[in-house]
Every structure is written in C-alpha cells, then in structure tokens.
Amino acid sequence: MFPRQKKNQKKGKKFLFEQDMKTCRGCRIIKQEEEFYVHLEMASGRLNKCKECVKKQVRKYVRENADMLSEREKKRYQRRRKDPMFRQKRADYLRQWRTPETMQAHNATARKLKDSKPENCEKCKIRPAQMAHHPDYSKPNKVNWICYCCHSLFRANLQTLGG
C-alpha cells in the first residue's frame, strides 16, 4: 500500500475505487471506474482521466512531436546497436525466426493464401483471424489462421517447451 493510501485510510476517507463511478478530468463526464487506467500511486487507485481522453492525448502528442519521436528512436537504435548484448540478442532472434525456410513459407503464404483467409480464428472461433501460423515450415501452404492472442499463447508455450 502506498503512503498516500495509508494516510487516507487513517482519516477514514472513502476511496473512489470502492465506488462505481468517477468523473474524468479531461472530458468532465461521469464514467464507470473500469473506463480509467489503473494507477496505484493515485489515491483512488485509478488515473484521473478516462482511457479515451488519455488515448486522444497520446495521439495528439505523437502527431505534434512525430519528428522528435522519430529522431529519438533513431538515436536509441544507434546507441543500442553498439551494445554487444543487444546485437547478440537481435542476432539470436533473427537466427531463430528468420531462417530461409521460414521466409519461404511466409512468402508462399502471402502469395497464395491471402484470398482463402477465414473470418474468425481457427482456434478460439471468436476473434478475427489476423496471423497465418505455420505448424511446419517445410509445408508452406499448410497454415492455421489464428488471432494475435492465440498466436502469442502458442509462441509462449513453444518457448517454455524449449522449441
């Protein structure tokens, strides 16, 4: 528990996260507390602007500062590129996932199977299919169309199994 929360608890104040509603300081609309990002340093446990206002603010900042952000990313990459640990990790990643066999499978899928993409994920059947997963790269036309969530779960399971 953060010091501010302890202090408020001692005074007997009712926390806002115990209530259902909260007023956004951006749009001044009363909304459900789930519509606010979690921020544990705030007394209420939630940020004082709703998710929509925060997203608008971030989009505006990125739009207004695109050149500066691009330059910052270039400098960051240049700095990290000189780091031998970063170079080793990047090389390991490329060696693992960008083999000639995988690239041939990806290219064959892009050329031949774009028209046969199903609407929903073949695994969960709920979310839209966004990724073409190759269970076996030696068979480039054998593809499972799955959503990002199912694909990330599959990759996580594959890495824990040592594959």
N, C-alpha and C. Protein backbone atom coordinates (compact mmCIF):
# COMPACT_ATOMS: atom_id res chain seq x y z
N MET A 1 0.85 -1.18 0.00
CA MET A 1 0.00 0.00 0.00
C MET A 1 0.89 1.24 0.00
N PHE A 2 0.54 2.22 -0.78
CA PHE A 2 1.33 3.43 -0.87
C PHE A 2 1.04 4.37 0.30
N PRO A 3 2.01 5.23 0.66
CA PRO A 3 1.84 6.10 1.82
C PRO A 3 0.58 6.94 1.77
N ARG A 4 0.25 7.47 0.60
CA ARG A 4 -0.94 8.32 0.48
C ARG A 4 -2.20 7.53 0.82
N GLN A 5 -2.24 6.27 0.39
CA GLN A 5 -3.40 5.45 0.69
C GLN A 5 -3.50 5.16 2.18
N LYS A 6 -2.36 4.92 2.83
CA LYS A 6 -2.38 4.69 4.28
C LYS A 6 -2.90 5.92 5.01
N LYS A 7 -2.41 7.10 4.59
CA LYS A 7 -2.82 8.35 5.23
C LYS A 7 -4.32 8.55 5.08
N ASN A 8 -4.85 8.32 3.88
CA ASN A 8 -6.28 8.49 3.64
C ASN A 8 -7.09 7.46 4.42
N GLN A 9 -6.54 6.27 4.58
CA GLN A 9 -7.25 5.23 5.32
C GLN A 9 -7.38 5.61 6.79
N LYS A 10 -6.31 6.21 7.34
CA LYS A 10 -6.34 6.61 8.74
C LYS A 10 -7.40 7.68 8.99
N LYS A 11 -7.60 8.58 8.04
CA LYS A 11 -8.59 9.64 8.21
C LYS A 11 -10.01 9.11 8.03
N GLY A 12 -10.13 7.90 7.51
CA GLY A 12 -11.45 7.32 7.32
C GLY A 12 -12.13 7.78 6.04
N LYS A 13 -11.36 8.30 5.06
CA LYS A 13 -11.96 8.72 3.80
C LYS A 13 -12.41 7.50 3.01
N LYS A 14 -13.46 7.68 2.25
CA LYS A 14 -13.93 6.61 1.39
C LYS A 14 -13.19 6.70 0.06
N PHE A 15 -12.55 5.61 -0.35
CA PHE A 15 -11.79 5.61 -1.59
C PHE A 15 -12.73 5.60 -2.79
N LEU A 16 -12.28 6.23 -3.87
CA LEU A 16 -13.10 6.25 -5.08
C LEU A 16 -13.19 4.87 -5.73
N PHE A 17 -12.16 4.00 -5.51
CA PHE A 17 -12.24 2.70 -6.15
C PHE A 17 -13.26 1.80 -5.47
N GLU A 18 -13.81 2.22 -4.34
CA GLU A 18 -14.90 1.49 -3.71
C GLU A 18 -16.25 1.89 -4.33
N GLN A 19 -16.26 2.98 -5.06
CA GLN A 19 -17.47 3.43 -5.71
C GLN A 19 -17.48 2.91 -7.15
N ASP A 20 -18.62 3.04 -7.79
CA ASP A 20 -18.75 2.57 -9.16
C ASP A 20 -18.42 3.64 -10.19
N MET A 21 -18.56 4.91 -9.84
CA MET A 21 -18.44 5.99 -10.81
C MET A 21 -17.30 6.94 -10.44
N LYS A 22 -16.79 7.61 -11.48
CA LYS A 22 -15.71 8.56 -11.30
C LYS A 22 -15.82 9.61 -12.41
N THR A 23 -15.46 10.86 -12.12
CA THR A 23 -15.53 11.93 -13.11
C THR A 23 -14.18 12.09 -13.78
N CYS A 24 -14.18 12.12 -15.10
CA CYS A 24 -12.96 12.31 -15.88
C CYS A 24 -12.56 13.77 -15.84
N ARG A 25 -11.27 14.05 -15.61
CA ARG A 25 -10.80 15.43 -15.58
C ARG A 25 -10.57 15.98 -16.99
N GLY A 26 -10.60 15.11 -17.99
CA GLY A 26 -10.43 15.56 -19.37
C GLY A 26 -11.74 15.99 -20.00
N CYS A 27 -12.69 15.08 -20.05
CA CYS A 27 -13.98 15.35 -20.71
C CYS A 27 -15.07 15.76 -19.73
N ARG A 28 -14.83 15.66 -18.42
CA ARG A 28 -15.77 16.04 -17.37
C ARG A 28 -17.06 15.20 -17.39
N ILE A 29 -16.94 13.95 -17.83
CA ILE A 29 -18.10 13.05 -17.89
C ILE A 29 -17.94 12.02 -16.77
N ILE A 30 -19.03 11.70 -16.12
CA ILE A 30 -19.02 10.67 -15.08
C ILE A 30 -19.08 9.32 -15.77
N LYS A 31 -18.09 8.46 -15.44
CA LYS A 31 -17.99 7.15 -16.10
C LYS A 31 -17.73 6.07 -15.07
N GLN A 32 -17.90 4.82 -15.51
CA GLN A 32 -17.57 3.67 -14.67
C GLN A 32 -16.07 3.67 -14.40
N GLU A 33 -15.66 3.16 -13.26
CA GLU A 33 -14.24 3.19 -12.91
C GLU A 33 -13.41 2.27 -13.80
N GLU A 34 -14.02 1.28 -14.44
CA GLU A 34 -13.29 0.41 -15.37
C GLU A 34 -12.84 1.17 -16.61
N GLU A 35 -13.42 2.34 -16.86
CA GLU A 35 -13.04 3.14 -18.02
C GLU A 35 -11.83 4.03 -17.74
N PHE A 36 -11.18 3.83 -16.59
CA PHE A 36 -9.98 4.57 -16.21
C PHE A 36 -8.84 3.57 -16.04
N TYR A 37 -7.64 3.98 -16.46
CA TYR A 37 -6.47 3.12 -16.30
C TYR A 37 -6.11 2.99 -14.82
N VAL A 38 -5.57 1.84 -14.43
CA VAL A 38 -5.10 1.62 -13.07
C VAL A 38 -3.83 2.44 -12.86
N HIS A 39 -3.76 3.13 -11.74
CA HIS A 39 -2.59 3.94 -11.39
C HIS A 39 -2.47 3.89 -9.88
N LEU A 40 -1.61 3.01 -9.38
CA LEU A 40 -1.58 2.71 -7.95
C LEU A 40 -1.09 3.87 -7.08
N GLU A 41 -0.42 4.86 -7.66
CA GLU A 41 0.05 5.98 -6.86
C GLU A 41 -1.04 7.03 -6.65
N MET A 42 -2.14 6.93 -7.36
CA MET A 42 -3.26 7.84 -7.15
C MET A 42 -4.05 7.34 -5.94
N ALA A 43 -4.65 8.25 -5.21
CA ALA A 43 -5.40 7.88 -4.00
C ALA A 43 -6.56 6.95 -4.33
N SER A 44 -7.17 7.13 -5.50
CA SER A 44 -8.31 6.30 -5.89
C SER A 44 -7.88 4.97 -6.48
N GLY A 45 -6.62 4.85 -6.85
CA GLY A 45 -6.15 3.63 -7.50
C GLY A 45 -6.34 3.65 -9.00
N ARG A 46 -6.90 4.73 -9.53
CA ARG A 46 -7.14 4.89 -10.96
C ARG A 46 -6.63 6.25 -11.41
N LEU A 47 -6.29 6.36 -12.70
CA LEU A 47 -5.87 7.63 -13.26
C LEU A 47 -7.04 8.60 -13.26
N ASN A 48 -6.78 9.90 -13.29
CA ASN A 48 -7.88 10.86 -13.21
C ASN A 48 -8.47 11.22 -14.58
N LYS A 49 -7.94 10.67 -15.66
CA LYS A 49 -8.51 10.85 -16.99
C LYS A 49 -8.95 9.49 -17.52
N CYS A 50 -10.06 9.47 -18.24
CA CYS A 50 -10.57 8.21 -18.77
C CYS A 50 -9.66 7.71 -19.90
N LYS A 51 -9.82 6.45 -20.26
CA LYS A 51 -8.98 5.83 -21.29
C LYS A 51 -9.09 6.57 -22.62
N GLU A 52 -10.30 6.99 -22.97
CA GLU A 52 -10.50 7.70 -24.24
C GLU A 52 -9.73 9.02 -24.27
N CYS A 53 -9.78 9.77 -23.17
CA CYS A 53 -9.06 11.05 -23.10
C CYS A 53 -7.55 10.84 -23.14
N VAL A 54 -7.07 9.79 -22.46
CA VAL A 54 -5.63 9.50 -22.48
C VAL A 54 -5.20 9.14 -23.89
N LYS A 55 -6.00 8.32 -24.58
CA LYS A 55 -5.66 7.93 -25.95
C LYS A 55 -5.63 9.14 -26.87
N LYS A 56 -6.61 10.03 -26.72
CA LYS A 56 -6.62 11.26 -27.53
C LYS A 56 -5.39 12.10 -27.26
N GLN A 57 -5.03 12.21 -25.97
CA GLN A 57 -3.87 13.00 -25.58
C GLN A 57 -2.58 12.40 -26.17
N VAL A 58 -2.44 11.08 -26.13
CA VAL A 58 -1.25 10.43 -26.68
C VAL A 58 -1.20 10.59 -28.19
N ARG A 59 -2.34 10.40 -28.88
CA ARG A 59 -2.37 10.57 -30.33
C ARG A 59 -1.97 11.99 -30.72
N LYS A 60 -2.50 12.96 -29.99
CA LYS A 60 -2.17 14.36 -30.27
C LYS A 60 -0.68 14.62 -30.06
N TYR A 61 -0.14 14.09 -28.96
CA TYR A 61 1.30 14.27 -28.68
C TYR A 61 2.16 13.65 -29.77
N VAL A 62 1.81 12.43 -30.20
CA VAL A 62 2.58 11.75 -31.25
C VAL A 62 2.48 12.52 -32.56
N ARG A 63 1.29 13.01 -32.89
CA ARG A 63 1.10 13.77 -34.12
C ARG A 63 1.92 15.06 -34.10
N GLU A 64 1.90 15.76 -32.97
CA GLU A 64 2.60 17.04 -32.88
C GLU A 64 4.11 16.89 -32.76
N ASN A 65 4.58 15.76 -32.24
CA ASN A 65 6.01 15.56 -31.99
C ASN A 65 6.58 14.39 -32.78
N ALA A 66 6.03 14.13 -33.96
CA ALA A 66 6.45 12.97 -34.74
C ALA A 66 7.94 13.03 -35.09
N ASP A 67 8.43 14.20 -35.50
CA ASP A 67 9.84 14.32 -35.87
C ASP A 67 10.75 14.05 -34.68
N MET A 68 10.42 14.63 -33.54
CA MET A 68 11.24 14.45 -32.35
C MET A 68 11.24 12.99 -31.89
N LEU A 69 10.06 12.35 -31.93
CA LEU A 69 9.98 10.96 -31.52
C LEU A 69 10.73 10.04 -32.48
N SER A 70 10.64 10.33 -33.77
CA SER A 70 11.37 9.55 -34.76
C SER A 70 12.88 9.68 -34.55
N GLU A 71 13.32 10.89 -34.30
CA GLU A 71 14.74 11.14 -34.06
C GLU A 71 15.20 10.43 -32.79
N ARG A 72 14.36 10.46 -31.76
CA ARG A 72 14.69 9.79 -30.50
C ARG A 72 14.85 8.29 -30.71
N GLU A 73 13.94 7.70 -31.49
CA GLU A 73 14.03 6.26 -31.76
C GLU A 73 15.27 5.92 -32.58
N LYS A 74 15.63 6.78 -33.53
CA LYS A 74 16.85 6.55 -34.31
C LYS A 74 18.08 6.57 -33.41
N LYS A 75 18.14 7.57 -32.53
CA LYS A 75 19.28 7.67 -31.60
C LYS A 75 19.32 6.47 -30.67
N ARG A 76 18.16 6.06 -30.19
CA ARG A 76 18.09 4.91 -29.30
C ARG A 76 18.58 3.66 -30.00
N TYR A 77 18.16 3.47 -31.25
CA TYR A 77 18.60 2.29 -32.00
C TYR A 77 20.10 2.36 -32.26
N GLN A 78 20.61 3.53 -32.63
CA GLN A 78 22.04 3.68 -32.88
C GLN A 78 22.85 3.37 -31.62
N ARG A 79 22.36 3.85 -30.47
CA ARG A 79 23.04 3.61 -29.21
C ARG A 79 23.01 2.11 -28.86
N ARG A 80 21.85 1.49 -29.03
CA ARG A 80 21.72 0.08 -28.70
C ARG A 80 22.47 -0.81 -29.67
N ARG A 81 22.57 -0.37 -30.92
CA ARG A 81 23.24 -1.16 -31.94
C ARG A 81 24.71 -1.37 -31.60
N LYS A 82 25.30 -0.41 -30.90
CA LYS A 82 26.71 -0.51 -30.50
C LYS A 82 26.89 -1.45 -29.30
N ASP A 83 25.81 -1.72 -28.58
CA ASP A 83 25.87 -2.58 -27.41
C ASP A 83 25.98 -4.04 -27.85
N PRO A 84 27.06 -4.74 -27.46
CA PRO A 84 27.23 -6.14 -27.92
C PRO A 84 26.11 -7.07 -27.45
N MET A 85 25.54 -6.80 -26.27
CA MET A 85 24.46 -7.64 -25.76
C MET A 85 23.21 -7.51 -26.65
N PHE A 86 22.90 -6.27 -27.03
CA PHE A 86 21.77 -6.04 -27.92
C PHE A 86 21.99 -6.72 -29.26
N ARG A 87 23.18 -6.59 -29.79
CA ARG A 87 23.49 -7.21 -31.09
C ARG A 87 23.38 -8.72 -31.01
N GLN A 88 23.81 -9.29 -29.91
CA GLN A 88 23.73 -10.74 -29.74
C GLN A 88 22.27 -11.20 -29.66
N LYS A 89 21.46 -10.49 -28.88
CA LYS A 89 20.04 -10.85 -28.75
C LYS A 89 19.33 -10.74 -30.10
N ARG A 90 19.62 -9.66 -30.83
CA ARG A 90 19.00 -9.47 -32.13
C ARG A 90 19.41 -10.57 -33.11
N ALA A 91 20.68 -10.92 -33.09
CA ALA A 91 21.17 -11.98 -33.97
C ALA A 91 20.52 -13.32 -33.61
N ASP A 92 20.39 -13.59 -32.32
CA ASP A 92 19.74 -14.84 -31.88
C ASP A 92 18.29 -14.88 -32.34
N TYR A 93 17.60 -13.75 -32.20
CA TYR A 93 16.20 -13.68 -32.63
C TYR A 93 16.09 -13.93 -34.14
N LEU A 94 16.92 -13.25 -34.92
CA LEU A 94 16.86 -13.42 -36.37
C LEU A 94 17.23 -14.84 -36.77
N ARG A 95 18.19 -15.42 -36.09
CA ARG A 95 18.60 -16.79 -36.40
C ARG A 95 17.47 -17.76 -36.09
N GLN A 96 16.72 -17.49 -35.02
CA GLN A 96 15.65 -18.39 -34.61
C GLN A 96 14.42 -18.29 -35.52
N TRP A 97 13.99 -17.08 -35.85
CA TRP A 97 12.71 -16.90 -36.52
C TRP A 97 12.80 -16.50 -37.98
N ARG A 98 13.97 -16.12 -38.48
CA ARG A 98 14.09 -15.68 -39.87
C ARG A 98 15.03 -16.56 -40.67
N THR A 99 14.78 -17.85 -40.61
CA THR A 99 15.59 -18.78 -41.40
C THR A 99 15.08 -18.77 -42.84
N PRO A 100 15.90 -19.23 -43.79
CA PRO A 100 15.42 -19.28 -45.19
C PRO A 100 14.13 -20.08 -45.35
N GLU A 101 14.02 -21.16 -44.58
CA GLU A 101 12.81 -21.99 -44.66
C GLU A 101 11.58 -21.21 -44.20
N THR A 102 11.70 -20.46 -43.10
CA THR A 102 10.56 -19.70 -42.61
C THR A 102 10.21 -18.57 -43.57
N MET A 103 11.21 -17.93 -44.14
CA MET A 103 10.94 -16.84 -45.07
C MET A 103 10.24 -17.35 -46.33
N GLN A 104 10.66 -18.51 -46.83
CA GLN A 104 9.99 -19.09 -48.00
C GLN A 104 8.53 -19.41 -47.68
N ALA A 105 8.30 -19.94 -46.49
CA ALA A 105 6.93 -20.26 -46.08
C ALA A 105 6.09 -18.99 -45.97
N HIS A 106 6.64 -17.93 -45.38
CA HIS A 106 5.90 -16.67 -45.26
C HIS A 106 5.57 -16.09 -46.63
N ASN A 107 6.53 -16.10 -47.53
CA ASN A 107 6.31 -15.54 -48.86
C ASN A 107 5.29 -16.36 -49.64
N ALA A 108 5.37 -17.69 -49.55
CA ALA A 108 4.40 -18.54 -50.25
C ALA A 108 2.99 -18.29 -49.73
N THR A 109 2.86 -18.12 -48.44
CA THR A 109 1.56 -17.85 -47.84
C THR A 109 1.02 -16.51 -48.32
N ALA A 110 1.87 -15.51 -48.34
CA ALA A 110 1.43 -14.18 -48.79
C ALA A 110 0.95 -14.21 -50.22
N ARG A 111 1.63 -14.97 -51.07
CA ARG A 111 1.25 -15.02 -52.49
C ARG A 111 -0.02 -15.84 -52.73
N LYS A 112 -0.12 -17.00 -52.11
CA LYS A 112 -1.17 -17.96 -52.48
C LYS A 112 -2.41 -17.94 -51.60
N LEU A 113 -2.27 -17.67 -50.32
CA LEU A 113 -3.37 -17.93 -49.41
C LEU A 113 -4.11 -16.69 -48.93
N LYS A 114 -3.80 -15.53 -49.46
CA LYS A 114 -4.46 -14.32 -48.98
C LYS A 114 -5.97 -14.35 -49.25
N ASP A 115 -6.35 -14.94 -50.36
CA ASP A 115 -7.77 -14.99 -50.71
C ASP A 115 -8.56 -15.98 -49.86
N SER A 116 -7.90 -16.99 -49.31
CA SER A 116 -8.61 -18.02 -48.56
C SER A 116 -8.59 -17.77 -47.05
N LYS A 117 -8.31 -16.56 -46.64
CA LYS A 117 -8.26 -16.24 -45.22
C LYS A 117 -9.66 -16.27 -44.62
N PRO A 118 -9.88 -17.04 -43.54
CA PRO A 118 -11.21 -17.10 -42.93
C PRO A 118 -11.50 -15.85 -42.10
N GLU A 119 -12.75 -15.70 -41.72
CA GLU A 119 -13.15 -14.54 -40.92
C GLU A 119 -12.64 -14.64 -39.49
N ASN A 120 -12.88 -15.77 -38.81
CA ASN A 120 -12.56 -15.91 -37.39
C ASN A 120 -11.37 -16.84 -37.17
N CYS A 121 -10.79 -16.71 -36.00
CA CYS A 121 -9.66 -17.54 -35.57
C CYS A 121 -10.07 -19.01 -35.58
N GLU A 122 -9.20 -19.87 -36.09
CA GLU A 122 -9.50 -21.30 -36.14
C GLU A 122 -9.42 -21.95 -34.77
N LYS A 123 -8.74 -21.30 -33.82
CA LYS A 123 -8.57 -21.89 -32.50
C LYS A 123 -9.69 -21.47 -31.54
N CYS A 124 -9.87 -20.17 -31.34
CA CYS A 124 -10.87 -19.71 -30.38
C CYS A 124 -12.23 -19.44 -31.03
N LYS A 125 -12.27 -19.26 -32.33
CA LYS A 125 -13.51 -19.04 -33.10
C LYS A 125 -14.25 -17.76 -32.71
N ILE A 126 -13.58 -16.84 -31.99
CA ILE A 126 -14.23 -15.63 -31.52
C ILE A 126 -13.67 -14.40 -32.23
N ARG A 127 -12.36 -14.20 -32.08
CA ARG A 127 -11.72 -13.00 -32.63
C ARG A 127 -11.39 -13.20 -34.10
N PRO A 128 -11.19 -12.10 -34.84
CA PRO A 128 -10.85 -12.23 -36.26
C PRO A 128 -9.47 -12.83 -36.46
N ALA A 129 -9.34 -13.65 -37.51
CA ALA A 129 -8.06 -14.27 -37.84
C ALA A 129 -7.13 -13.21 -38.42
N GLN A 130 -5.96 -13.03 -37.81
CA GLN A 130 -5.04 -11.99 -38.25
C GLN A 130 -3.66 -12.54 -38.60
N MET A 131 -3.33 -13.73 -38.12
CA MET A 131 -1.99 -14.28 -38.31
C MET A 131 -2.08 -15.63 -39.01
N ALA A 132 -1.14 -15.86 -39.92
CA ALA A 132 -1.03 -17.16 -40.56
C ALA A 132 0.08 -17.92 -39.85
N HIS A 133 -0.31 -18.92 -39.06
CA HIS A 133 0.68 -19.69 -38.29
C HIS A 133 1.06 -20.94 -39.05
N HIS A 134 2.36 -21.17 -39.21
CA HIS A 134 2.89 -22.35 -39.89
C HIS A 134 3.31 -23.39 -38.85
N PRO A 135 2.55 -24.48 -38.68
CA PRO A 135 2.98 -25.51 -37.74
C PRO A 135 4.24 -26.22 -38.24
N ASP A 136 4.39 -26.30 -39.56
CA ASP A 136 5.57 -26.96 -40.15
C ASP A 136 6.02 -26.14 -41.35
N TYR A 137 7.21 -25.55 -41.24
CA TYR A 137 7.70 -24.67 -42.30
C TYR A 137 8.06 -25.42 -43.58
N SER A 138 8.21 -26.73 -43.51
CA SER A 138 8.50 -27.48 -44.74
C SER A 138 7.25 -27.63 -45.60
N LYS A 139 6.08 -27.32 -45.03
CA LYS A 139 4.81 -27.34 -45.77
C LYS A 139 4.25 -25.91 -45.76
N PRO A 140 4.73 -25.05 -46.65
CA PRO A 140 4.37 -23.62 -46.57
C PRO A 140 2.89 -23.34 -46.81
N ASN A 141 2.17 -24.22 -47.51
CA ASN A 141 0.76 -23.96 -47.77
C ASN A 141 -0.15 -24.46 -46.66
N LYS A 142 0.39 -25.18 -45.68
CA LYS A 142 -0.37 -25.64 -44.52
C LYS A 142 -0.29 -24.54 -43.46
N VAL A 143 -1.39 -23.80 -43.34
CA VAL A 143 -1.41 -22.63 -42.46
C VAL A 143 -2.64 -22.68 -41.57
N ASN A 144 -2.46 -22.30 -40.30
CA ASN A 144 -3.58 -22.12 -39.38
C ASN A 144 -3.80 -20.62 -39.23
N TRP A 145 -5.00 -20.15 -39.54
CA TRP A 145 -5.32 -18.73 -39.40
C TRP A 145 -5.82 -18.50 -37.99
N ILE A 146 -5.03 -17.75 -37.18
CA ILE A 146 -5.38 -17.52 -35.79
C ILE A 146 -5.24 -16.04 -35.44
N CYS A 147 -5.84 -15.67 -34.32
CA CYS A 147 -5.78 -14.28 -33.85
C CYS A 147 -4.45 -14.04 -33.12
N TYR A 148 -4.18 -12.78 -32.81
CA TYR A 148 -2.94 -12.42 -32.12
C TYR A 148 -2.85 -13.09 -30.75
N CYS A 149 -3.96 -13.14 -30.02
CA CYS A 149 -3.95 -13.71 -28.67
C CYS A 149 -3.57 -15.20 -28.72
N CYS A 150 -4.22 -15.95 -29.58
CA CYS A 150 -3.93 -17.38 -29.69
C CYS A 150 -2.50 -17.61 -30.18
N HIS A 151 -2.04 -16.75 -31.10
CA HIS A 151 -0.68 -16.89 -31.61
C HIS A 151 0.34 -16.62 -30.52
N SER A 152 0.12 -15.59 -29.70
CA SER A 152 1.07 -15.29 -28.63
C SER A 152 1.06 -16.40 -27.58
N LEU A 153 -0.11 -16.99 -27.30
CA LEU A 153 -0.16 -18.12 -26.37
C LEU A 153 0.60 -19.32 -26.93
N PHE A 154 0.45 -19.56 -28.22
CA PHE A 154 1.15 -20.68 -28.84
C PHE A 154 2.65 -20.47 -28.77
N ARG A 155 3.10 -19.22 -29.11
CA ARG A 155 4.54 -18.92 -29.07
C ARG A 155 5.08 -19.05 -27.65
N ALA A 156 4.33 -18.61 -26.65
CA ALA A 156 4.76 -18.72 -25.26
C ALA A 156 4.90 -20.20 -24.86
N ASN A 157 3.94 -21.03 -25.25
CA ASN A 157 4.01 -22.46 -24.95
C ASN A 157 5.18 -23.10 -25.66
N LEU A 158 5.45 -22.68 -26.88
CA LEU A 158 6.55 -23.23 -27.66
C LEU A 158 7.89 -22.90 -26.99
N GLN A 159 8.02 -21.67 -26.49
CA GLN A 159 9.28 -21.26 -25.85
C GLN A 159 9.47 -21.96 -24.51
N THR A 160 8.40 -22.21 -23.76
CA THR A 160 8.55 -22.90 -22.48
C THR A 160 8.90 -24.37 -22.68
N LEU A 161 8.47 -24.93 -23.82
CA LEU A 161 8.80 -26.32 -24.12
C LEU A 161 10.21 -26.45 -24.69
N GLY A 162 10.84 -25.32 -24.98
CA GLY A 162 12.21 -25.34 -25.50
C GLY A 162 12.29 -25.41 -27.00
N GLY A 163 11.20 -25.09 -27.69
CA GLY A 163 11.16 -25.19 -29.14
C GLY A 163 11.50 -23.94 -29.84
